[in-house]
Structure formats: structure tokens, C-alpha cells
């Protein structure tokens, strides 16, 4: 089995550490990584809008603790809530691209 130090690309590193796509460990990593990315997007957009977590929560009918958990990648988000946060709370348009 390859060692992490032998990885030449980021994909190889992930394969070594978490397994190939489709394995349980890798799938779990991918879900957590995507939750982290979404959380960072929310946090950056919130800061750009000069809003606190409390203010964003009030604008979107959620709680500060919920916004905090989202920003920290600790929970999953429903698509409808994601749209609500970006469009109603942050005044941004949200779109998706499927590949």
C-alpha cells in the first residue's frame, strides 16, 4: 500500500488516506468536505454583507446556533434553506451547475 509521502497529486493523497471513490470512508469524507465548503461560502457572504450570525438568523427565520453549525460544516442543509439564506438573508442569487 502506498504511503502518503508517495502521493504525487491531491487525488492520490485522498485515495491513500480515505480510499477510492465509492468506498464508505471516502464517501463520508466527500460529504464532510462539501459541508465545509458550503459553510465557508455562507460565512464569507455573511461577512461581506456585514451581518452577524444573529442578524442573518433573524433575516432567515432561523437561530444563531443553526447558522454557526452551518458555517462550521457540522450539519447538512436543505436546498430550500440554502436558497433562503443566500437570497433572502444575503441578497445573493444562487444557481447550480450539474456536471
C-alpha atoms as a PDB file:
ATOM      1  CA  UNK A   1       0.000   0.000   0.000  1.00  0.00           C
ATOM      2  CA  UNK A   2       1.245   3.474  -0.871  1.00  0.00           C
ATOM      3  CA  UNK A   3       2.278   5.879   1.843  1.00  0.00           C
ATOM      4  CA  UNK A   4       1.008   9.458   1.974  1.00  0.00           C
ATOM      5  CA  UNK A   5       4.536  10.699   1.269  1.00  0.00           C
ATOM      6  CA  UNK A   6       4.407   8.872  -2.077  1.00  0.00           C
ATOM      7  CA  UNK A   7       1.335  10.757  -3.305  1.00  0.00           C
ATOM      8  CA  UNK A   8       2.044  12.925  -6.347  1.00  0.00           C
ATOM      9  CA  UNK A   9      -1.375  14.569  -6.628  1.00  0.00           C
ATOM     10  CA  UNK A  10      -4.089  15.644  -4.241  1.00  0.00           C
ATOM     11  CA  UNK A  11      -6.372  12.941  -5.651  1.00  0.00           C
ATOM     12  CA  UNK A  12      -3.735  10.290  -4.920  1.00  0.00           C
ATOM     13  CA  UNK A  13      -3.402  11.621  -1.388  1.00  0.00           C
ATOM     14  CA  UNK A  14      -7.160  11.323  -0.861  1.00  0.00           C
ATOM     15  CA  UNK A  15      -7.156   7.813  -2.341  1.00  0.00           C
ATOM     16  CA  UNK A  16      -4.426   6.753   0.097  1.00  0.00           C
ATOM     17  CA  UNK A  17      -5.944   8.409   3.166  1.00  0.00           C
ATOM     18  CA  UNK A  18      -9.671   7.804   2.537  1.00  0.00           C
ATOM     19  CA  UNK A  19      -9.871   5.152  -0.166  1.00  0.00           C
ATOM     20  CA  UNK A  20     -11.180   5.312  -3.720  1.00  0.00           C
ATOM     21  CA  UNK A  21     -14.441   7.000  -4.728  1.00  0.00           C
ATOM     22  CA  UNK A  22     -17.371   4.811  -3.794  1.00  0.00           C
ATOM     23  CA  UNK A  23     -15.865   3.420  -0.600  1.00  0.00           C
ATOM     24  CA  UNK A  24     -17.660   4.207   2.639  1.00  0.00           C
ATOM     25  CA  UNK A  25     -14.737   6.115   4.177  1.00  0.00           C
ATOM     26  CA  UNK A  26     -14.194   8.224   1.038  1.00  0.00           C
ATOM     27  CA  UNK A  27     -17.907   8.974   0.637  1.00  0.00           C
ATOM     28  CA  UNK A  28     -18.041  10.153   4.258  1.00  0.00           C
ATOM     29  CA  UNK A  29     -15.030  12.401   3.653  1.00  0.00           C
ATOM     30  CA  UNK A  30     -16.580  13.871   0.486  1.00  0.00           C
ATOM     31  CA  UNK A  31     -19.849  14.705   2.279  1.00  0.00           C
ATOM     32  CA  UNK A  32     -17.981  16.433   5.114  1.00  0.00           C
ATOM     33  CA  UNK A  33     -15.757  18.315   2.674  1.00  0.00           C
ATOM     34  CA  UNK A  34     -18.774  19.626   0.767  1.00  0.00           C
ATOM     35  CA  UNK A  35     -20.495  20.676   4.008  1.00  0.00           C
ATOM     36  CA  UNK A  36     -17.331  22.563   4.949  1.00  0.00           C
ATOM     37  CA  UNK A  37     -17.237  24.336   1.574  1.00  0.00           C
ATOM     38  CA  UNK A  38     -20.890  25.378   1.793  1.00  0.00           C
ATOM     39  CA  UNK A  39     -20.294  26.633   5.337  1.00  0.00           C
ATOM     40  CA  UNK A  40     -17.326  28.709   4.206  1.00  0.00           C
ATOM     41  CA  UNK A  41     -19.378  30.180   1.360  1.00  0.00           C
ATOM     42  CA  UNK A  42     -22.112  31.201   3.794  1.00  0.00           C
ATOM     43  CA  UNK A  43     -19.598  32.662   6.250  1.00  0.00           C
ATOM     44  CA  UNK A  44     -17.778  34.687   3.588  1.00  0.00           C
ATOM     45  CA  UNK A  45     -21.021  36.010   2.079  1.00  0.00           C
ATOM     46  CA  UNK A  46     -22.302  36.916   5.552  1.00  0.00           C
ATOM     47  CA  UNK A  47     -19.126  38.808   6.397  1.00  0.00           C
ATOM     48  CA  UNK A  48     -19.194  40.540   3.008  1.00  0.00           C
ATOM     49  CA  UNK A  49     -22.763  41.661   3.802  1.00  0.00           C
ATOM     50  CA  UNK A  50     -21.540  42.954   7.203  1.00  0.00           C
ATOM     51  CA  UNK A  51     -24.003  40.759   9.082  1.00  0.00           C
ATOM     52  CA  UNK A  52     -23.549  38.880  12.328  1.00  0.00           C
ATOM     53  CA  UNK A  53     -24.741  35.308  12.624  1.00  0.00           C
ATOM     54  CA  UNK A  54     -27.595  36.613  14.773  1.00  0.00           C
ATOM     55  CA  UNK A  55     -28.652  39.138  12.113  1.00  0.00           C
ATOM     56  CA  UNK A  56     -28.554  36.521   9.357  1.00  0.00           C
ATOM     57  CA  UNK A  57     -30.566  34.124  11.501  1.00  0.00           C
ATOM     58  CA  UNK A  58     -33.205  36.799  12.130  1.00  0.00           C
ATOM     59  CA  UNK A  59     -33.465  37.623   8.411  1.00  0.00           C
ATOM     60  CA  UNK A  60     -33.942  33.970   7.506  1.00  0.00           C
ATOM     61  CA  UNK A  61     -36.125  32.829  10.392  1.00  0.00           C
ATOM     62  CA  UNK A  62     -33.502  30.518  11.868  1.00  0.00           C
ATOM     63  CA  UNK A  63     -31.376  30.595  15.013  1.00  0.00           C
ATOM     64  CA  UNK A  64     -27.830  31.850  15.506  1.00  0.00           C
ATOM     65  CA  UNK A  65     -26.779  28.367  16.620  1.00  0.00           C
ATOM     66  CA  UNK A  66     -28.055  26.950  13.314  1.00  0.00           C
ATOM     67  CA  UNK A  67     -26.055  29.496  11.287  1.00  0.00           C
ATOM     68  CA  UNK A  68     -22.990  28.719  13.405  1.00  0.00           C
ATOM     69  CA  UNK A  69     -23.313  24.969  12.850  1.00  0.00           C
ATOM     70  CA  UNK A  70     -23.765  25.542   9.099  1.00  0.00           C
ATOM     71  CA  UNK A  71     -20.704  27.770   8.908  1.00  0.00           C
ATOM     72  CA  UNK A  72     -18.666  25.162  10.756  1.00  0.00           C
ATOM     73  CA  UNK A  73     -19.800  22.340   8.459  1.00  0.00           C
ATOM     74  CA  UNK A  74     -21.391  20.480  11.354  1.00  0.00           C
ATOM     75  CA  UNK A  75     -24.833  19.899   9.824  1.00  0.00           C
ATOM     76  CA  UNK A  76     -26.422  19.286   6.457  1.00  0.00           C
ATOM     77  CA  UNK A  77     -28.618  21.910   4.885  1.00  0.00           C
ATOM     78  CA  UNK A  78     -31.781  21.535   2.850  1.00  0.00           C
ATOM     79  CA  UNK A  79     -31.650  23.166  -0.568  1.00  0.00           C
ATOM     80  CA  UNK A  80     -34.682  25.331   0.245  1.00  0.00           C
ATOM     81  CA  UNK A  81     -32.900  26.669   3.340  1.00  0.00           C
ATOM     82  CA  UNK A  82     -29.717  27.265   1.362  1.00  0.00           C
ATOM     83  CA  UNK A  83     -31.661  29.361  -1.151  1.00  0.00           C
ATOM     84  CA  UNK A  84     -33.389  31.233   1.682  1.00  0.00           C
ATOM     85  CA  UNK A  85     -30.088  32.092   3.368  1.00  0.00           C
ATOM     86  CA  UNK A  86     -28.407  33.310   0.209  1.00  0.00           C
ATOM     87  CA  UNK A  87     -31.356  35.018  -1.459  1.00  0.00           C
ATOM     88  CA  UNK A  88     -33.400  36.420   1.434  1.00  0.00           C
ATOM     89  CA  UNK A  89     -30.684  36.707   4.055  1.00  0.00           C
ATOM     90  CA  UNK A  90     -27.712  37.769   1.962  1.00  0.00           C
ATOM     91  CA  UNK A  91     -29.345  39.280  -1.116  1.00  0.00           C
ATOM     92  CA  UNK A  92     -27.457  36.958  -3.472  1.00  0.00           C
ATOM     93  CA  UNK A  93     -28.690  34.795  -6.310  1.00  0.00           C
ATOM     94  CA  UNK A  94     -27.864  31.131  -6.049  1.00  0.00           C
ATOM     95  CA  UNK A  95     -27.541  28.792  -9.010  1.00  0.00           C
ATOM     96  CA  UNK A  96     -26.433  25.236  -9.585  1.00  0.00           C
ATOM     97  CA  UNK A  97     -24.439  23.617 -12.319  1.00  0.00           C
ATOM     98  CA  UNK A  98     -24.650  19.887 -12.854  1.00  0.00           C
ATOM     99  CA  UNK A  99     -21.709  18.143 -14.462  1.00  0.00           C
END
